[in-house]
Amino acid sequence: MGKDIRHFTPFVRVAADSVHPVPWIIKEHIAKEYEILYVKEGELSVVADSRSYRGLPGDLFLFRPGQSYSIRSVSKQAIRRLYLQFGLERGTGAHEDPSPLPLDSLPIGIQLREPAMFEQKLLDIIHERDQQMLYYEIRTVGMVIELLACLMRERHWQRLPYVHINREVLLKVQQYLYLRADCHVTLDELSCEFCFSKFYLNRMFRDAFQVSPMQYHQQIRLEKAKQVIQLTNRPLTQIAEQFGYPNVHAFSRSFKKKQGVPPSFYRTGNT
């Protein structure tokens, strides 16, 4: 099991949107930190770890610290690339651990399913760095974390072809459950609504999101219930009823099992 990436904070060293006339060549280079190269225009040939890759518009390359790579243009069109160089700073909760970060399990060359989304996230980071408005460093950290989370999620889904193919349906299932936090939802209902057998749907959802549909629905119900407890003075019996629990005792048991504390802990004055 790898290190917990939550204990590391990214700091951006370079963020650039650049155009290079052809021929464009980067001779053998050793990455000192993490580097992301996104091909926006033109075509590239990339060699890393003795393996060759073709870089077309919409492709992304991730180079890790200490990795050697070289790049050359292979088209007549000028190369436009989005580039990000960043490090990961160890937080106080991180212990010395030789195991790799989840980020290190990503391949060098990644063909993105939704390149426009990643392209926009990179452009937003570059723009934020260029503008250097008040507290831009803090905002940039959040933007890089979001980019990396999307990248790891994208790769996770790509490794599971049957999940990847049904990705849009699974996201609709997730949204369906999210919008019905105050309703009782069953697997039979989901099966009927989305035209999959309940066993196959349960398996796909679990593989995509690491929880079953019913577990996810339970998480959402309890999280929204927690917000109501914190922000209102409504009795717990009413809140339990609102979120589909048969009684306040069942609600309290589920809440404590998930949150580790009883619902009353989140009343104003206890947090």
C-alpha atoms as a PDB file:
ATOM      1  CA  MET A   1       0.000   0.000   0.000  1.00  0.00           C
ATOM      2  CA  GLY A   2       1.426   3.395  -1.019  1.00  0.00           C
ATOM      3  CA  LYS A   3       1.834   6.606   0.901  1.00  0.00           C
ATOM      4  CA  ASP A   4      -1.204   8.732   1.691  1.00  0.00           C
ATOM      5  CA  ILE A   5      -1.044  11.663  -0.741  1.00  0.00           C
ATOM      6  CA  ARG A   6      -3.202  13.750   1.631  1.00  0.00           C
ATOM      7  CA  HIS A   7      -0.060  14.328   3.712  1.00  0.00           C
ATOM      8  CA  PHE A   8       1.699  16.097   0.840  1.00  0.00           C
ATOM      9  CA  THR A   9       1.148  19.634  -0.465  1.00  0.00           C
ATOM     10  CA  PRO A  10       2.041  20.551  -4.066  1.00  0.00           C
ATOM     11  CA  PHE A  11       4.064  23.671  -4.783  1.00  0.00           C
ATOM     12  CA  VAL A  12       4.347  24.914  -8.359  1.00  0.00           C
ATOM     13  CA  ARG A  13       7.765  25.844  -9.671  1.00  0.00           C
ATOM     14  CA  VAL A  14       6.871  26.534 -13.324  1.00  0.00           C
ATOM     15  CA  ALA A  15       3.544  26.899 -15.141  1.00  0.00           C
ATOM     16  CA  ALA A  16       3.726  27.880 -18.805  1.00  0.00           C
ATOM     17  CA  ASP A  17       1.759  27.982 -22.047  1.00  0.00           C
ATOM     18  CA  SER A  18       4.432  28.139 -24.751  1.00  0.00           C
ATOM     19  CA  VAL A  19       4.753  27.859 -28.539  1.00  0.00           C
ATOM     20  CA  HIS A  20       7.892  26.346 -30.113  1.00  0.00           C
ATOM     21  CA  PRO A  21       8.774  26.605 -33.816  1.00  0.00           C
ATOM     22  CA  VAL A  22       9.830  23.345 -35.433  1.00  0.00           C
ATOM     23  CA  PRO A  23      12.127  21.568 -35.339  1.00  0.00           C
ATOM     24  CA  TRP A  24      11.880  21.538 -31.546  1.00  0.00           C
ATOM     25  CA  ILE A  25      14.123  19.213 -29.561  1.00  0.00           C
ATOM     26  CA  ILE A  26      14.765  18.602 -25.886  1.00  0.00           C
ATOM     27  CA  LYS A  27      17.814  16.389 -25.566  1.00  0.00           C
ATOM     28  CA  GLU A  28      18.049  13.940 -22.717  1.00  0.00           C
ATOM     29  CA  HIS A  29      16.755  15.694 -19.614  1.00  0.00           C
ATOM     30  CA  ILE A  30      16.385  14.424 -16.064  1.00  0.00           C
ATOM     31  CA  ALA A  31      13.309  15.687 -14.232  1.00  0.00           C
ATOM     32  CA  LYS A  32      14.170  17.199 -10.855  1.00  0.00           C
ATOM     33  CA  GLU A  33      10.509  17.324  -9.785  1.00  0.00           C
ATOM     34  CA  TYR A  34       7.180  16.187 -11.210  1.00  0.00           C
ATOM     35  CA  GLU A  35       6.552  17.547 -14.690  1.00  0.00           C
ATOM     36  CA  ILE A  36       3.328  17.548 -16.697  1.00  0.00           C
ATOM     37  CA  LEU A  37       3.425  18.215 -20.425  1.00  0.00           C
ATOM     38  CA  TYR A  38       0.132  18.565 -22.298  1.00  0.00           C
ATOM     39  CA  VAL A  39       0.208  18.652 -26.098  1.00  0.00           C
ATOM     40  CA  LYS A  40      -2.144  21.388 -27.312  1.00  0.00           C
ATOM     41  CA  GLU A  41      -0.923  21.707 -30.919  1.00  0.00           C
ATOM     42  CA  GLY A  42       1.509  19.749 -33.118  1.00  0.00           C
ATOM     43  CA  GLU A  43       2.900  16.237 -32.728  1.00  0.00           C
ATOM     44  CA  LEU A  44       5.752  14.972 -30.583  1.00  0.00           C
ATOM     45  CA  SER A  45       7.933  11.923 -30.171  1.00  0.00           C
ATOM     46  CA  VAL A  46       8.765  11.296 -26.523  1.00  0.00           C
ATOM     47  CA  VAL A  47      11.297   8.766 -25.228  1.00  0.00           C
ATOM     48  CA  ALA A  48      11.292   7.932 -21.511  1.00  0.00           C
ATOM     49  CA  ASP A  49      12.508   4.840 -19.680  1.00  0.00           C
ATOM     50  CA  SER A  50      13.669   3.387 -23.023  1.00  0.00           C
ATOM     51  CA  ARG A  51      10.116   3.492 -24.366  1.00  0.00           C
ATOM     52  CA  SER A  52       8.812   5.654 -27.220  1.00  0.00           C
ATOM     53  CA  TYR A  53       5.511   7.543 -27.181  1.00  0.00           C
ATOM     54  CA  ARG A  54       3.658   9.560 -29.798  1.00  0.00           C
ATOM     55  CA  GLY A  55       2.214  12.789 -28.460  1.00  0.00           C
ATOM     56  CA  LEU A  56      -0.871  14.090 -30.277  1.00  0.00           C
ATOM     57  CA  PRO A  57      -3.065  17.069 -29.336  1.00  0.00           C
ATOM     58  CA  GLY A  58      -4.939  16.175 -26.156  1.00  0.00           C
ATOM     59  CA  ASP A  59      -2.270  13.763 -24.884  1.00  0.00           C
ATOM     60  CA  LEU A  60      -0.604  14.265 -21.510  1.00  0.00           C
ATOM     61  CA  PHE A  61       2.801  13.150 -20.232  1.00  0.00           C
ATOM     62  CA  LEU A  62       3.763  12.841 -16.574  1.00  0.00           C
ATOM     63  CA  PHE A  63       7.471  12.675 -15.700  1.00  0.00           C
ATOM     64  CA  ARG A  64       8.543  11.786 -12.172  1.00  0.00           C
ATOM     65  CA  PRO A  65      11.568  13.071 -10.231  1.00  0.00           C
ATOM     66  CA  GLY A  66      14.761  11.446 -11.460  1.00  0.00           C
ATOM     67  CA  GLN A  67      13.189  10.211 -14.692  1.00  0.00           C
ATOM     68  CA  SER A  68      15.149  10.735 -17.902  1.00  0.00           C
ATOM     69  CA  TYR A  69      13.340  11.761 -21.086  1.00  0.00           C
ATOM     70  CA  SER A  70      13.859  13.387 -24.473  1.00  0.00           C
ATOM     71  CA  ILE A  71      11.397  15.071 -26.848  1.00  0.00           C
ATOM     72  CA  ARG A  72      11.387  16.073 -30.507  1.00  0.00           C
ATOM     73  CA  SER A  73       8.751  17.448 -32.838  1.00  0.00           C
ATOM     74  CA  VAL A  74       7.562  15.183 -35.670  1.00  0.00           C
ATOM     75  CA  SER A  75       5.210  17.494 -37.569  1.00  0.00           C
ATOM     76  CA  LYS A  76       5.546  20.670 -39.596  1.00  0.00           C
ATOM     77  CA  GLN A  77       3.164  22.475 -37.279  1.00  0.00           C
ATOM     78  CA  ALA A  78       4.578  24.545 -34.421  1.00  0.00           C
ATOM     79  CA  ILE A  79       4.379  22.893 -31.022  1.00  0.00           C
ATOM     80  CA  ARG A  80       2.151  24.445 -28.391  1.00  0.00           C
ATOM     81  CA  ARG A  81       2.467  22.850 -24.994  1.00  0.00           C
ATOM     82  CA  LEU A  82       1.073  23.449 -21.530  1.00  0.00           C
ATOM     83  CA  TYR A  83       3.735  22.704 -18.924  1.00  0.00           C
ATOM     84  CA  LEU A  84       3.657  22.310 -15.173  1.00  0.00           C
ATOM     85  CA  GLN A  85       6.619  21.605 -12.894  1.00  0.00           C
ATOM     86  CA  PHE A  86       5.781  20.970  -9.260  1.00  0.00           C
ATOM     87  CA  GLY A  87       7.076  19.326  -6.133  1.00  0.00           C
ATOM     88  CA  LEU A  88       5.280  17.675  -3.224  1.00  0.00           C
ATOM     89  CA  GLU A  89       6.074  18.983   0.241  1.00  0.00           C
ATOM     90  CA  ARG A  90       5.790  16.528   3.103  1.00  0.00           C
ATOM     91  CA  GLY A  91       3.315  17.609   5.784  1.00  0.00           C
ATOM     92  CA  THR A  92       3.576  17.066   9.518  1.00  0.00           C
ATOM     93  CA  GLY A  93       1.325  13.987   9.332  1.00  0.00           C
ATOM     94  CA  ALA A  94       3.585  12.177   6.868  1.00  0.00           C
ATOM     95  CA  HIS A  95       6.128   9.665   8.118  1.00  0.00           C
ATOM     96  CA  GLU A  96       9.265   8.518   6.378  1.00  0.00           C
ATOM     97  CA  ASP A  97       8.026   5.800   4.065  1.00  0.00           C
ATOM     98  CA  PRO A  98       9.875   4.249   1.107  1.00  0.00           C
ATOM     99  CA  SER A  99       6.653   3.175  -0.609  1.00  0.00           C
ATOM    100  CA  PRO A 100       5.586   5.150  -3.716  1.00  0.00           C
ATOM    101  CA  LEU A 101       2.932   7.836  -3.866  1.00  0.00           C
ATOM    102  CA  PRO A 102      -0.292   6.999  -5.761  1.00  0.00           C
ATOM    103  CA  LEU A 103       0.857   9.564  -8.322  1.00  0.00           C
ATOM    104  CA  ASP A 104       3.877   7.405  -9.096  1.00  0.00           C
ATOM    105  CA  SER A 105       1.657   4.563 -10.321  1.00  0.00           C
ATOM    106  CA  LEU A 106       0.401   6.660 -13.247  1.00  0.00           C
ATOM    107  CA  PRO A 107       1.886   5.864 -16.676  1.00  0.00           C
ATOM    108  CA  ILE A 108       4.164   8.328 -18.477  1.00  0.00           C
ATOM    109  CA  GLY A 109       1.873   8.802 -21.467  1.00  0.00           C
ATOM    110  CA  ILE A 110      -1.862   9.230 -20.864  1.00  0.00           C
ATOM    111  CA  GLN A 111      -4.545   9.486 -23.531  1.00  0.00           C
ATOM    112  CA  LEU A 112      -7.272  11.506 -21.876  1.00  0.00           C
ATOM    113  CA  ARG A 113     -10.967  10.765 -22.311  1.00  0.00           C
ATOM    114  CA  GLU A 114     -11.853  14.415 -21.710  1.00  0.00           C
ATOM    115  CA  PRO A 115      -8.776  16.407 -22.801  1.00  0.00           C
ATOM    116  CA  ALA A 116     -10.685  19.717 -22.896  1.00  0.00           C
ATOM    117  CA  MET A 117     -11.368  19.498 -19.148  1.00  0.00           C
ATOM    118  CA  PHE A 118      -7.713  18.857 -18.279  1.00  0.00           C
ATOM    119  CA  GLU A 119      -6.575  21.515 -20.744  1.00  0.00           C
ATOM    120  CA  GLN A 120      -8.796  24.097 -19.055  1.00  0.00           C
ATOM    121  CA  LYS A 121      -7.561  23.133 -15.590  1.00  0.00           C
ATOM    122  CA  LEU A 122      -3.955  23.567 -16.731  1.00  0.00           C
ATOM    123  CA  LEU A 123      -4.738  26.912 -18.382  1.00  0.00           C
ATOM    124  CA  ASP A 124      -6.425  28.088 -15.167  1.00  0.00           C
ATOM    125  CA  ILE A 125      -3.314  27.193 -13.131  1.00  0.00           C
ATOM    126  CA  ILE A 126      -1.054  28.988 -15.633  1.00  0.00           C
ATOM    127  CA  HIS A 127      -3.314  32.055 -15.634  1.00  0.00           C
ATOM    128  CA  GLU A 128      -3.403  32.162 -11.826  1.00  0.00           C
ATOM    129  CA  ARG A 129       0.397  32.001 -11.662  1.00  0.00           C
ATOM    130  CA  ASP A 130       0.805  34.656 -14.349  1.00  0.00           C
ATOM    131  CA  GLN A 131      -1.625  37.088 -12.691  1.00  0.00           C
ATOM    132  CA  GLN A 132      -0.074  36.646  -9.221  1.00  0.00           C
ATOM    133  CA  MET A 133      -3.022  38.228  -7.478  1.00  0.00           C
ATOM    134  CA  LEU A 134      -3.346  38.302  -3.701  1.00  0.00           C
ATOM    135  CA  TYR A 135      -3.034  34.785  -2.193  1.00  0.00           C
ATOM    136  CA  TYR A 136      -2.481  33.192  -5.601  1.00  0.00           C
ATOM    137  CA  GLU A 137      -0.128  30.637  -4.034  1.00  0.00           C
ATOM    138  CA  ILE A 138      -2.924  29.244  -1.841  1.00  0.00           C
ATOM    139  CA  ARG A 139      -5.382  29.103  -4.721  1.00  0.00           C
ATOM    140  CA  THR A 140      -2.820  27.405  -6.958  1.00  0.00           C
ATOM    141  CA  VAL A 141      -2.304  24.618  -4.402  1.00  0.00           C
ATOM    142  CA  GLY A 142      -6.015  23.804  -4.499  1.00  0.00           C
ATOM    143  CA  MET A 143      -6.082  23.892  -8.303  1.00  0.00           C
ATOM    144  CA  VAL A 144      -3.124  21.493  -8.611  1.00  0.00           C
ATOM    145  CA  ILE A 145      -4.683  19.096  -6.081  1.00  0.00           C
ATOM    146  CA  GLU A 146      -7.901  19.100  -8.108  1.00  0.00           C
ATOM    147  CA  LEU A 147      -5.963  18.435 -11.327  1.00  0.00           C
ATOM    148  CA  LEU A 148      -4.077  15.498  -9.787  1.00  0.00           C
ATOM    149  CA  ALA A 149      -7.257  14.036  -8.291  1.00  0.00           C
ATOM    150  CA  CYS A 150      -8.970  14.155 -11.685  1.00  0.00           C
ATOM    151  CA  LEU A 151      -5.926  12.604 -13.331  1.00  0.00           C
ATOM    152  CA  MET A 152      -5.751   9.688 -10.880  1.00  0.00           C
ATOM    153  CA  ARG A 153      -9.511   9.149 -11.112  1.00  0.00           C
ATOM    154  CA  GLU A 154      -9.323   9.152 -14.907  1.00  0.00           C
ATOM    155  CA  ARG A 155      -6.566   6.546 -14.846  1.00  0.00           C
ATOM    156  CA  HIS A 156      -8.416   4.380 -12.318  1.00  0.00           C
ATOM    157  CA  TRP A 157     -11.448   4.233 -14.606  1.00  0.00           C
ATOM    158  CA  GLN A 158      -9.322   3.560 -17.698  1.00  0.00           C
ATOM    159  CA  ARG A 159      -7.921   0.420 -16.075  1.00  0.00           C
ATOM    160  CA  LEU A 160     -11.448  -1.035 -15.866  1.00  0.00           C
ATOM    161  CA  PRO A 161     -12.825  -1.236 -19.433  1.00  0.00           C
ATOM    162  CA  TYR A 162     -16.401  -2.130 -18.448  1.00  0.00           C
ATOM    163  CA  VAL A 163     -16.436   0.811 -16.009  1.00  0.00           C
ATOM    164  CA  HIS A 164     -14.850   3.128 -18.572  1.00  0.00           C
ATOM    165  CA  ILE A 165     -17.481   2.272 -21.183  1.00  0.00           C
ATOM    166  CA  ASN A 166     -20.348   2.904 -18.743  1.00  0.00           C
ATOM    167  CA  ARG A 167     -18.756   5.926 -17.088  1.00  0.00           C
ATOM    168  CA  GLU A 168     -21.515   8.391 -18.024  1.00  0.00           C
ATOM    169  CA  VAL A 169     -24.223   6.081 -16.685  1.00  0.00           C
ATOM    170  CA  LEU A 170     -22.339   5.568 -13.424  1.00  0.00           C
ATOM    171  CA  LEU A 171     -21.984   9.322 -12.943  1.00  0.00           C
ATOM    172  CA  LYS A 172     -25.752   9.628 -13.477  1.00  0.00           C
ATOM    173  CA  VAL A 173     -26.315   6.921 -10.851  1.00  0.00           C
ATOM    174  CA  GLN A 174     -24.088   8.846  -8.451  1.00  0.00           C
ATOM    175  CA  GLN A 175     -26.009  12.066  -9.121  1.00  0.00           C
ATOM    176  CA  TYR A 176     -29.338  10.242  -8.722  1.00  0.00           C
ATOM    177  CA  LEU A 177     -28.284   9.043  -5.271  1.00  0.00           C
ATOM    178  CA  TYR A 178     -26.872  12.432  -4.293  1.00  0.00           C
ATOM    179  CA  LEU A 179     -30.121  14.238  -5.126  1.00  0.00           C
ATOM    180  CA  ARG A 180     -32.156  11.727  -3.108  1.00  0.00           C
ATOM    181  CA  ALA A 181     -30.358  11.974   0.208  1.00  0.00           C
ATOM    182  CA  ASP A 182     -33.698  12.470   1.951  1.00  0.00           C
ATOM    183  CA  CYS A 183     -35.309   9.447   0.255  1.00  0.00           C
ATOM    184  CA  HIS A 184     -35.147   5.720   0.763  1.00  0.00           C
ATOM    185  CA  VAL A 185     -33.467   4.238  -2.328  1.00  0.00           C
ATOM    186  CA  THR A 186     -33.053   0.549  -3.111  1.00  0.00           C
ATOM    187  CA  LEU A 187     -30.820  -1.378  -5.480  1.00  0.00           C
ATOM    188  CA  ASP A 188     -33.944  -2.674  -7.239  1.00  0.00           C
ATOM    189  CA  GLU A 189     -35.000   0.924  -7.888  1.00  0.00           C
ATOM    190  CA  LEU A 190     -31.595   1.759  -9.381  1.00  0.00           C
ATOM    191  CA  SER A 191     -31.676  -1.377 -11.519  1.00  0.00           C
ATOM    192  CA  CYS A 192     -35.048  -0.402 -12.945  1.00  0.00           C
ATOM    193  CA  GLU A 193     -34.104   3.251 -13.451  1.00  0.00           C
ATOM    194  CA  PHE A 194     -30.813   2.584 -15.270  1.00  0.00           C
ATOM    195  CA  CYS A 195     -31.616  -0.712 -17.027  1.00  0.00           C
ATOM    196  CA  PHE A 196     -28.816  -2.827 -15.533  1.00  0.00           C
ATOM    197  CA  SER A 197     -29.108  -5.921 -13.395  1.00  0.00           C
ATOM    198  CA  LYS A 198     -28.684  -4.929  -9.773  1.00  0.00           C
ATOM    199  CA  PHE A 199     -25.702  -7.274  -9.386  1.00  0.00           C
ATOM    200  CA  TYR A 200     -23.839  -5.826 -12.374  1.00  0.00           C
ATOM    201  CA  LEU A 201     -24.703  -2.253 -11.399  1.00  0.00           C
ATOM    202  CA  ASN A 202     -23.509  -2.844  -7.847  1.00  0.00           C
ATOM    203  CA  ARG A 203     -20.220  -4.311  -9.103  1.00  0.00           C
ATOM    204  CA  MET A 204     -19.579  -1.492 -11.602  1.00  0.00           C
ATOM    205  CA  PHE A 205     -20.371   1.229  -9.063  1.00  0.00           C
ATOM    206  CA  ARG A 206     -18.161  -0.340  -6.406  1.00  0.00           C
ATOM    207  CA  ASP A 207     -15.251  -0.718  -8.817  1.00  0.00           C
ATOM    208  CA  ALA A 208     -15.650   2.883 -10.042  1.00  0.00           C
ATOM    209  CA  PHE A 209     -16.068   4.638  -6.685  1.00  0.00           C
ATOM    210  CA  GLN A 210     -14.692   2.118  -4.147  1.00  0.00           C
ATOM    211  CA  VAL A 211     -18.072   1.923  -2.360  1.00  0.00           C
ATOM    212  CA  SER A 212     -21.354   0.252  -3.234  1.00  0.00           C
ATOM    213  CA  PRO A 213     -24.334   2.403  -4.341  1.00  0.00           C
ATOM    214  CA  MET A 214     -26.051   1.867  -0.999  1.00  0.00           C
ATOM    215  CA  GLN A 215     -22.909   2.733   0.968  1.00  0.00           C
ATOM    216  CA  TYR A 216     -22.502   5.902  -1.088  1.00  0.00           C
ATOM    217  CA  HIS A 217     -26.132   6.852  -0.474  1.00  0.00           C
ATOM    218  CA  GLN A 218     -25.660   6.261   3.233  1.00  0.00           C
ATOM    219  CA  GLN A 219     -22.572   8.499   3.259  1.00  0.00           C
ATOM    220  CA  ILE A 220     -24.431  11.314   1.505  1.00  0.00           C
ATOM    221  CA  ARG A 221     -27.452  11.022   3.819  1.00  0.00           C
ATOM    222  CA  LEU A 222     -25.295  11.204   6.925  1.00  0.00           C
ATOM    223  CA  GLU A 223     -23.162  14.065   5.619  1.00  0.00           C
ATOM    224  CA  LYS A 224     -26.220  16.153   4.766  1.00  0.00           C
ATOM    225  CA  ALA A 225     -27.825  15.238   8.088  1.00  0.00           C
ATOM    226  CA  LYS A 226     -24.660  16.441   9.832  1.00  0.00           C
ATOM    227  CA  GLN A 227     -24.987  19.807   8.079  1.00  0.00           C
ATOM    228  CA  VAL A 228     -28.605  20.148   9.233  1.00  0.00           C
ATOM    229  CA  ILE A 229     -27.571  19.300  12.801  1.00  0.00           C
ATOM    230  CA  GLN A 230     -24.812  21.933  12.717  1.00  0.00           C
ATOM    231  CA  LEU A 231     -26.828  24.713  11.065  1.00  0.00           C
ATOM    232  CA  THR A 232     -30.273  24.326  12.665  1.00  0.00           C
ATOM    233  CA  ASN A 233     -31.863  23.645  16.032  1.00  0.00           C
ATOM    234  CA  ARG A 234     -34.301  21.073  14.687  1.00  0.00           C
ATOM    235  CA  PRO A 235     -34.867  18.034  16.935  1.00  0.00           C
ATOM    236  CA  LEU A 236     -32.901  14.924  16.007  1.00  0.00           C
ATOM    237  CA  THR A 237     -36.176  13.005  15.643  1.00  0.00           C
ATOM    238  CA  GLN A 238     -37.232  15.334  12.803  1.00  0.00           C
ATOM    239  CA  ILE A 239     -33.829  15.120  11.131  1.00  0.00           C
ATOM    240  CA  ALA A 240     -33.895  11.326  11.325  1.00  0.00           C
ATOM    241  CA  GLU A 241     -37.321  11.298   9.719  1.00  0.00           C
ATOM    242  CA  GLN A 242     -36.233  13.780   7.009  1.00  0.00           C
ATOM    243  CA  PHE A 243     -33.396  11.506   5.905  1.00  0.00           C
ATOM    244  CA  GLY A 244     -35.474   8.337   5.795  1.00  0.00           C
ATOM    245  CA  TYR A 245     -34.554   6.640   9.072  1.00  0.00           C
ATOM    246  CA  PRO A 246     -37.336   4.698  10.854  1.00  0.00           C
ATOM    247  CA  ASN A 247     -36.513   6.307  14.195  1.00  0.00           C
ATOM    248  CA  VAL A 248     -33.914   8.426  15.960  1.00  0.00           C
ATOM    249  CA  HIS A 249     -32.206   5.352  17.460  1.00  0.00           C
ATOM    250  CA  ALA A 250     -31.498   3.850  14.032  1.00  0.00           C
ATOM    251  CA  PHE A 251     -30.263   7.243  12.870  1.00  0.00           C
ATOM    252  CA  SER A 252     -27.953   7.630  15.875  1.00  0.00           C
ATOM    253  CA  ARG A 253     -26.501   4.130  15.442  1.00  0.00           C
ATOM    254  CA  SER A 254     -25.740   4.714  11.746  1.00  0.00           C
ATOM    255  CA  PHE A 255     -24.371   8.182  12.454  1.00  0.00           C
ATOM    256  CA  LYS A 256     -22.004   7.053  15.216  1.00  0.00           C
ATOM    257  CA  LYS A 257     -20.814   4.065  13.171  1.00  0.00           C
ATOM    258  CA  LYS A 258     -19.836   6.352  10.297  1.00  0.00           C
ATOM    259  CA  GLN A 259     -18.732   9.525  12.095  1.00  0.00           C
ATOM    260  CA  GLY A 260     -17.325   8.008  15.277  1.00  0.00           C
ATOM    261  CA  VAL A 261     -19.397  10.326  17.460  1.00  0.00           C
ATOM    262  CA  PRO A 262     -23.140  10.665  18.180  1.00  0.00           C
ATOM    263  CA  PRO A 263     -25.233  13.271  16.279  1.00  0.00           C
ATOM    264  CA  SER A 264     -25.397  15.512  19.357  1.00  0.00           C
ATOM    265  CA  PHE A 265     -21.642  16.110  19.062  1.00  0.00           C
ATOM    266  CA  TYR A 266     -22.257  18.394  16.089  1.00  0.00           C
ATOM    267  CA  ARG A 267     -24.724  20.667  17.832  1.00  0.00           C
ATOM    268  CA  THR A 268     -23.491  24.275  18.116  1.00  0.00           C
ATOM    269  CA  GLY A 269     -21.180  24.564  21.106  1.00  0.00           C
ATOM    270  CA  ASN A 270     -19.762  21.051  20.833  1.00  0.00           C
ATOM    271  CA  THR A 271     -17.622  21.601  17.722  1.00  0.00           C
END
